[in-house]
N, C-alpha and C. Protein backbone atom coordinates (compact mmCIF):
# COMPACT_ATOMS: atom_id res chain seq x y z
N MET A 1 63.05 16.38 30.65
CA MET A 1 62.40 16.01 31.90
C MET A 1 62.95 14.67 32.37
N GLU A 2 63.41 14.61 33.58
CA GLU A 2 64.00 13.41 34.14
C GLU A 2 62.93 12.59 34.84
N ILE A 3 62.94 11.26 34.60
CA ILE A 3 62.00 10.36 35.27
C ILE A 3 62.57 10.02 36.64
N VAL A 4 61.78 10.26 37.67
CA VAL A 4 62.21 9.94 39.02
C VAL A 4 61.94 8.47 39.29
N ARG A 5 62.95 7.77 39.68
CA ARG A 5 62.80 6.35 39.99
C ARG A 5 63.03 6.14 41.48
N ALA A 6 62.17 5.40 42.07
CA ALA A 6 62.28 5.12 43.50
C ALA A 6 62.04 3.63 43.72
N MET A 7 62.70 3.06 44.69
CA MET A 7 62.49 1.66 45.01
C MET A 7 61.16 1.54 45.74
N LYS A 8 60.26 0.84 45.15
CA LYS A 8 58.93 0.59 45.70
C LYS A 8 58.68 -0.91 45.63
N SER A 9 57.47 -1.31 45.93
CA SER A 9 57.06 -2.70 45.77
C SER A 9 55.82 -2.74 44.90
N LYS A 10 55.69 -3.82 44.16
CA LYS A 10 54.51 -4.01 43.32
C LYS A 10 53.95 -5.40 43.60
N TRP A 11 52.63 -5.49 43.66
CA TRP A 11 51.91 -6.73 43.92
C TRP A 11 51.86 -7.50 42.60
N ILE A 12 52.68 -8.54 42.47
CA ILE A 12 52.77 -9.28 41.22
C ILE A 12 52.75 -10.78 41.48
N PRO A 13 52.42 -11.56 40.44
CA PRO A 13 52.44 -13.01 40.59
C PRO A 13 53.88 -13.53 40.63
N VAL A 14 54.10 -14.48 41.52
CA VAL A 14 55.39 -15.14 41.64
C VAL A 14 55.15 -16.63 41.37
N VAL A 15 55.94 -17.19 40.48
CA VAL A 15 55.76 -18.58 40.07
C VAL A 15 56.75 -19.48 40.81
N ALA A 16 56.22 -20.54 41.41
CA ALA A 16 57.06 -21.56 42.05
C ALA A 16 57.47 -22.54 40.95
N ALA A 17 58.70 -22.43 40.49
CA ALA A 17 59.18 -23.24 39.36
C ALA A 17 59.05 -24.74 39.63
N ASP A 18 59.20 -25.14 40.88
CA ASP A 18 59.12 -26.57 41.21
C ASP A 18 57.70 -27.12 41.13
N LYS A 19 56.69 -26.25 41.12
CA LYS A 19 55.30 -26.68 41.03
C LYS A 19 54.70 -26.48 39.64
N CYS A 20 55.25 -25.55 38.87
CA CYS A 20 54.69 -25.21 37.56
C CYS A 20 54.92 -26.34 36.56
N THR A 21 53.85 -26.74 35.87
CA THR A 21 53.95 -27.80 34.87
C THR A 21 54.04 -27.23 33.45
N GLY A 22 53.94 -25.91 33.33
CA GLY A 22 54.03 -25.28 32.02
C GLY A 22 52.81 -25.47 31.15
N CYS A 23 51.66 -25.67 31.78
CA CYS A 23 50.43 -25.93 31.02
C CYS A 23 49.98 -24.72 30.19
N GLY A 24 50.33 -23.52 30.62
CA GLY A 24 50.00 -22.32 29.87
C GLY A 24 48.65 -21.70 30.16
N ARG A 25 47.90 -22.28 31.08
CA ARG A 25 46.57 -21.74 31.40
C ARG A 25 46.67 -20.31 31.93
N CYS A 26 47.68 -20.03 32.73
CA CYS A 26 47.87 -18.68 33.27
C CYS A 26 48.16 -17.68 32.16
N VAL A 27 48.94 -18.10 31.18
CA VAL A 27 49.28 -17.25 30.05
C VAL A 27 48.02 -16.90 29.25
N GLU A 28 47.15 -17.90 29.06
CA GLU A 28 45.92 -17.71 28.29
C GLU A 28 44.98 -16.69 28.92
N VAL A 29 44.91 -16.65 30.26
CA VAL A 29 43.96 -15.74 30.92
C VAL A 29 44.55 -14.37 31.24
N CYS A 30 45.83 -14.20 31.00
CA CYS A 30 46.48 -12.92 31.29
C CYS A 30 46.13 -11.93 30.18
N GLY A 31 45.18 -11.06 30.47
CA GLY A 31 44.69 -10.12 29.46
C GLY A 31 45.74 -9.16 28.94
N VAL A 32 46.69 -8.79 29.77
CA VAL A 32 47.71 -7.83 29.35
C VAL A 32 48.96 -8.53 28.81
N GLN A 33 48.92 -9.86 28.78
CA GLN A 33 49.99 -10.68 28.21
C GLN A 33 51.37 -10.41 28.82
N CYS A 34 51.41 -10.34 30.13
CA CYS A 34 52.70 -10.14 30.80
C CYS A 34 53.36 -11.46 31.20
N LEU A 35 52.59 -12.56 31.15
CA LEU A 35 53.13 -13.89 31.44
C LEU A 35 53.43 -14.63 30.14
N GLU A 36 54.41 -15.51 30.20
CA GLU A 36 54.69 -16.40 29.07
C GLU A 36 55.36 -17.66 29.59
N ILE A 37 55.41 -18.68 28.74
CA ILE A 37 56.08 -19.93 29.10
C ILE A 37 57.49 -19.88 28.53
N ALA A 38 58.48 -20.10 29.37
CA ALA A 38 59.88 -20.14 28.95
C ALA A 38 60.55 -21.34 29.61
N GLU A 39 61.17 -22.16 28.81
CA GLU A 39 61.84 -23.36 29.29
C GLU A 39 60.93 -24.23 30.15
N GLY A 40 59.65 -24.29 29.75
CA GLY A 40 58.71 -25.19 30.41
C GLY A 40 58.03 -24.67 31.66
N ILE A 41 58.27 -23.41 32.04
CA ILE A 41 57.57 -22.85 33.20
C ILE A 41 57.07 -21.45 32.90
N ALA A 42 56.07 -21.02 33.65
CA ALA A 42 55.54 -19.66 33.50
C ALA A 42 56.53 -18.65 34.08
N VAL A 43 56.71 -17.55 33.37
CA VAL A 43 57.57 -16.47 33.83
C VAL A 43 56.85 -15.15 33.61
N LEU A 44 57.31 -14.11 34.29
CA LEU A 44 56.71 -12.78 34.19
C LEU A 44 57.75 -11.81 33.63
N PRO A 45 57.94 -11.81 32.30
CA PRO A 45 58.97 -10.96 31.72
C PRO A 45 58.59 -9.48 31.65
N ARG A 46 57.31 -9.19 31.79
CA ARG A 46 56.85 -7.80 31.70
C ARG A 46 56.05 -7.40 32.95
N PRO A 47 56.72 -7.27 34.10
CA PRO A 47 56.00 -6.94 35.33
C PRO A 47 55.33 -5.56 35.26
N ASP A 48 55.86 -4.67 34.43
CA ASP A 48 55.26 -3.34 34.30
C ASP A 48 53.86 -3.42 33.72
N ALA A 49 53.57 -4.44 32.91
CA ALA A 49 52.26 -4.58 32.30
C ALA A 49 51.23 -5.22 33.23
N CYS A 50 51.70 -5.89 34.28
CA CYS A 50 50.80 -6.62 35.17
C CYS A 50 49.88 -5.66 35.92
N GLY A 51 48.59 -5.96 35.85
CA GLY A 51 47.59 -5.17 36.56
C GLY A 51 47.24 -5.73 37.92
N SER A 52 47.96 -6.75 38.35
CA SER A 52 47.77 -7.37 39.68
C SER A 52 46.34 -7.86 39.88
N GLU A 53 45.73 -8.37 38.83
CA GLU A 53 44.33 -8.79 38.89
C GLU A 53 44.13 -10.22 39.37
N GLU A 54 45.19 -11.01 39.43
CA GLU A 54 45.19 -12.34 40.02
C GLU A 54 44.43 -13.40 39.22
N HIS A 55 44.11 -13.14 37.95
CA HIS A 55 43.45 -14.15 37.12
C HIS A 55 44.32 -15.40 36.97
N CYS A 56 45.62 -15.18 36.90
CA CYS A 56 46.56 -16.30 36.72
C CYS A 56 46.51 -17.28 37.89
N ILE A 57 46.32 -16.76 39.08
CA ILE A 57 46.25 -17.61 40.27
C ILE A 57 45.02 -18.50 40.23
N THR A 58 43.89 -17.90 39.90
CA THR A 58 42.64 -18.64 39.83
C THR A 58 42.72 -19.77 38.81
N GLU A 59 43.39 -19.52 37.71
CA GLU A 59 43.47 -20.50 36.62
C GLU A 59 44.50 -21.60 36.87
N CYS A 60 45.46 -21.37 37.74
CA CYS A 60 46.54 -22.33 37.96
C CYS A 60 46.04 -23.53 38.78
N ARG A 61 46.01 -24.69 38.14
CA ARG A 61 45.56 -25.92 38.80
C ARG A 61 46.65 -26.58 39.62
N ASP A 62 47.88 -26.10 39.44
CA ASP A 62 49.02 -26.70 40.15
C ASP A 62 49.40 -25.94 41.41
N ASP A 63 48.67 -24.89 41.73
CA ASP A 63 48.96 -24.04 42.89
C ASP A 63 50.41 -23.54 42.84
N ALA A 64 50.84 -23.16 41.62
CA ALA A 64 52.22 -22.76 41.41
C ALA A 64 52.42 -21.24 41.41
N ILE A 65 51.32 -20.49 41.52
CA ILE A 65 51.44 -19.02 41.47
C ILE A 65 50.82 -18.42 42.72
N HIS A 66 51.54 -17.50 43.33
CA HIS A 66 50.99 -16.72 44.44
C HIS A 66 51.36 -15.26 44.22
N MET A 67 50.66 -14.37 44.85
CA MET A 67 50.94 -12.94 44.74
C MET A 67 51.84 -12.53 45.89
N ALA A 68 52.73 -11.60 45.61
CA ALA A 68 53.65 -11.10 46.64
C ALA A 68 54.03 -9.66 46.31
N TRP A 69 54.36 -8.90 47.34
CA TRP A 69 54.92 -7.57 47.16
C TRP A 69 56.39 -7.76 46.84
N VAL A 70 56.78 -7.40 45.63
CA VAL A 70 58.15 -7.59 45.18
C VAL A 70 58.81 -6.22 45.01
N PRO A 71 59.97 -6.02 45.62
CA PRO A 71 60.67 -4.74 45.45
C PRO A 71 61.01 -4.53 43.97
N MET A 72 60.65 -3.37 43.47
CA MET A 72 60.92 -3.03 42.08
C MET A 72 61.29 -1.57 41.99
N GLU A 73 62.00 -1.24 40.96
CA GLU A 73 62.34 0.15 40.72
C GLU A 73 61.37 0.68 39.68
N GLY A 74 60.85 1.88 39.91
CA GLY A 74 59.94 2.40 38.91
C GLY A 74 59.31 3.71 39.29
N ASN A 75 58.52 4.20 38.40
CA ASN A 75 57.75 5.42 38.59
C ASN A 75 56.29 5.02 38.60
N GLU A 76 55.72 4.89 39.78
CA GLU A 76 54.37 4.39 39.90
C GLU A 76 53.32 5.34 39.29
N THR A 77 53.66 6.61 39.12
CA THR A 77 52.69 7.54 38.56
C THR A 77 52.47 7.31 37.07
N ILE A 78 53.43 6.68 36.39
CA ILE A 78 53.25 6.40 34.98
C ILE A 78 53.32 4.90 34.68
N GLY A 79 53.43 4.08 35.71
CA GLY A 79 53.36 2.64 35.56
C GLY A 79 54.56 1.98 34.91
N ILE A 80 55.73 2.55 35.04
CA ILE A 80 56.93 1.92 34.51
C ILE A 80 57.68 1.25 35.65
N TRP A 81 57.83 -0.08 35.54
CA TRP A 81 58.48 -0.88 36.58
C TRP A 81 59.50 -1.80 35.95
N ARG A 82 60.48 -2.20 36.74
CA ARG A 82 61.41 -3.24 36.32
C ARG A 82 62.01 -3.90 37.54
């Protein structure tokens, strides 16, 4: 069975590297653990795991995270994105 991949968009957190202080608060509240700190800033290495719940935004005291529709390739019926 072949997985059909189509270019879609997913509502995910986007980190402004120039504002992020790397405090890790967003990582702590991310229940699905899709965020992590790399080289001193928050990154989203697993966008497929993100449930778009926006907890990270609420927790960010530096106003470094906002949500955006980001073009991604994936199969939305089974939640695989990249």
